[in-house]
Amino acid sequence: MPRTKNPRSTNTATNKQVITMPEAVSTPQIRRGPGASVATPIDLDAQIRERAYALYEERGRIPGQENEDWLRAEREVRARYNPAQTA
């Protein structure tokens, strides 16, 4: 009689930590330029992503502080559109 196959783990003896960027909970906002008759939606997620990458580059592209960069970038970008809520 043939043996049943046992599933093997392909990830043996590695202990890698996977860090994911936090989801930005943003509602679509509208920005109107001076004299503009058409509203333009703001892509907060893209702006936060760009600022977080800029912070990473400012630190010399040293990994390990992705969450801190993202949270700082999120605070900075949101403060541009909501200056009354800065703390």
C-alpha atoms as a PDB file:
ATOM      1  CA  MET A   1       0.000   0.000   0.000  1.00  0.00           C
ATOM      2  CA  PRO A   2       1.388   3.479  -0.871  1.00  0.00           C
ATOM      3  CA  ARG A   3       2.063   5.963   1.899  1.00  0.00           C
ATOM      4  CA  THR A   4       0.057   9.130   2.239  1.00  0.00           C
ATOM      5  CA  LYS A   5       1.973  12.296   1.579  1.00  0.00           C
ATOM      6  CA  ASN A   6       2.644  14.553   4.515  1.00  0.00           C
ATOM      7  CA  PRO A   7       2.466  18.285   3.821  1.00  0.00           C
ATOM      8  CA  ARG A   8       5.815  19.946   4.284  1.00  0.00           C
ATOM      9  CA  SER A   9       6.413  23.494   5.252  1.00  0.00           C
ATOM     10  CA  THR A  10       8.467  25.341   2.653  1.00  0.00           C
ATOM     11  CA  ASN A  11       9.413  27.994   5.195  1.00  0.00           C
ATOM     12  CA  THR A  12      11.473  26.029   7.691  1.00  0.00           C
ATOM     13  CA  ALA A  13      13.852  27.648  10.152  1.00  0.00           C
ATOM     14  CA  THR A  14      13.107  31.199   9.021  1.00  0.00           C
ATOM     15  CA  ASN A  15      11.599  33.802  11.236  1.00  0.00           C
ATOM     16  CA  LYS A  16      10.870  36.701   8.918  1.00  0.00           C
ATOM     17  CA  GLN A  17       8.627  39.476  10.057  1.00  0.00           C
ATOM     18  CA  VAL A  18       6.391  41.018   7.421  1.00  0.00           C
ATOM     19  CA  ILE A  19       5.428  44.622   7.982  1.00  0.00           C
ATOM     20  CA  THR A  20       2.553  46.081   6.060  1.00  0.00           C
ATOM     21  CA  MET A  21       1.677  49.721   5.734  1.00  0.00           C
ATOM     22  CA  PRO A  22      -1.431  50.717   7.667  1.00  0.00           C
ATOM     23  CA  GLU A  23      -4.539  51.348   5.649  1.00  0.00           C
ATOM     24  CA  ALA A  24      -5.334  55.007   5.307  1.00  0.00           C
ATOM     25  CA  VAL A  25      -8.945  55.579   6.172  1.00  0.00           C
ATOM     26  CA  SER A  26      -9.724  58.514   4.015  1.00  0.00           C
ATOM     27  CA  THR A  27     -12.926  59.896   2.692  1.00  0.00           C
ATOM     28  CA  PRO A  28     -12.844  61.602  -0.669  1.00  0.00           C
ATOM     29  CA  GLN A  29     -12.400  65.301  -0.153  1.00  0.00           C
ATOM     30  CA  ILE A  30     -12.863  68.090  -2.638  1.00  0.00           C
ATOM     31  CA  ARG A  31     -10.426  70.919  -3.188  1.00  0.00           C
ATOM     32  CA  ARG A  32     -11.258  74.018  -5.187  1.00  0.00           C
ATOM     33  CA  GLY A  33      -8.540  76.256  -6.487  1.00  0.00           C
ATOM     34  CA  PRO A  34      -8.985  80.015  -6.655  1.00  0.00           C
ATOM     35  CA  GLY A  35     -11.494  80.767  -9.392  1.00  0.00           C
ATOM     36  CA  ALA A  36     -11.953  77.078 -10.217  1.00  0.00           C
ATOM     37  CA  SER A  37     -15.402  75.970 -11.167  1.00  0.00           C
ATOM     38  CA  VAL A  38     -14.634  72.242 -11.182  1.00  0.00           C
ATOM     39  CA  ALA A  39     -13.744  70.409  -7.964  1.00  0.00           C
ATOM     40  CA  THR A  40     -10.714  68.094  -7.950  1.00  0.00           C
ATOM     41  CA  PRO A  41     -10.687  65.054  -5.656  1.00  0.00           C
ATOM     42  CA  ILE A  42      -7.673  64.778  -3.371  1.00  0.00           C
ATOM     43  CA  ASP A  43      -5.797  61.478  -3.395  1.00  0.00           C
ATOM     44  CA  LEU A  44      -4.618  61.458   0.209  1.00  0.00           C
ATOM     45  CA  ASP A  45      -3.273  57.928  -0.011  1.00  0.00           C
ATOM     46  CA  ALA A  46      -0.923  58.807  -2.874  1.00  0.00           C
ATOM     47  CA  GLN A  47       0.277  61.966  -1.123  1.00  0.00           C
ATOM     48  CA  ILE A  48       0.910  60.063   2.121  1.00  0.00           C
ATOM     49  CA  ARG A  49       2.789  57.360   0.212  1.00  0.00           C
ATOM     50  CA  GLU A  50       4.975  59.952  -1.537  1.00  0.00           C
ATOM     51  CA  ARG A  51       5.732  61.793   1.718  1.00  0.00           C
ATOM     52  CA  ALA A  52       6.542  58.530   3.551  1.00  0.00           C
ATOM     53  CA  TYR A  53       8.985  57.630   0.772  1.00  0.00           C
ATOM     54  CA  ALA A  54      10.568  61.083   0.991  1.00  0.00           C
ATOM     55  CA  LEU A  55      11.055  60.592   4.745  1.00  0.00           C
ATOM     56  CA  TYR A  56      12.659  57.191   4.043  1.00  0.00           C
ATOM     57  CA  GLU A  57      15.054  58.825   1.588  1.00  0.00           C
ATOM     58  CA  GLU A  58      15.842  61.629   4.055  1.00  0.00           C
ATOM     59  CA  ARG A  59      16.907  58.970   6.567  1.00  0.00           C
ATOM     60  CA  GLY A  60      19.392  57.567   4.058  1.00  0.00           C
ATOM     61  CA  ARG A  61      17.162  54.711   2.812  1.00  0.00           C
ATOM     62  CA  ILE A  62      17.760  52.714   5.978  1.00  0.00           C
ATOM     63  CA  PRO A  63      14.919  50.204   6.482  1.00  0.00           C
ATOM     64  CA  GLY A  64      13.189  49.537   9.786  1.00  0.00           C
ATOM     65  CA  GLN A  65      11.091  52.628  10.431  1.00  0.00           C
ATOM     66  CA  GLU A  66       8.389  52.181   7.799  1.00  0.00           C
ATOM     67  CA  ASN A  67       5.498  52.520  10.224  1.00  0.00           C
ATOM     68  CA  GLU A  68       6.920  55.668  11.796  1.00  0.00           C
ATOM     69  CA  ASP A  69       7.497  57.210   8.354  1.00  0.00           C
ATOM     70  CA  TRP A  70       3.945  56.360   7.274  1.00  0.00           C
ATOM     71  CA  LEU A  71       2.340  57.751  10.427  1.00  0.00           C
ATOM     72  CA  ARG A  72       4.398  60.959  10.289  1.00  0.00           C
ATOM     73  CA  ALA A  73       3.571  61.399   6.599  1.00  0.00           C
ATOM     74  CA  GLU A  74      -0.118  60.821   7.321  1.00  0.00           C
ATOM     75  CA  ARG A  75      -0.098  63.490  10.055  1.00  0.00           C
ATOM     76  CA  GLU A  76       1.698  65.988   7.802  1.00  0.00           C
ATOM     77  CA  VAL A  77      -0.545  65.457   4.770  1.00  0.00           C
ATOM     78  CA  ARG A  78      -3.771  65.538   6.770  1.00  0.00           C
ATOM     79  CA  ALA A  79      -2.613  68.724   8.530  1.00  0.00           C
ATOM     80  CA  ARG A  80      -2.355  70.442   5.128  1.00  0.00           C
ATOM     81  CA  TYR A  81      -6.081  69.948   4.545  1.00  0.00           C
ATOM     82  CA  ASN A  82      -7.299  70.151   8.147  1.00  0.00           C
ATOM     83  CA  PRO A  83      -5.056  72.606  10.013  1.00  0.00           C
ATOM     84  CA  ALA A  84      -7.580  72.958  12.861  1.00  0.00           C
ATOM     85  CA  GLN A  85      -7.115  69.295  13.854  1.00  0.00           C
ATOM     86  CA  THR A  86      -3.348  69.366  14.392  1.00  0.00           C
ATOM     87  CA  ALA A  87      -2.314  68.383  17.876  1.00  0.00           C
END
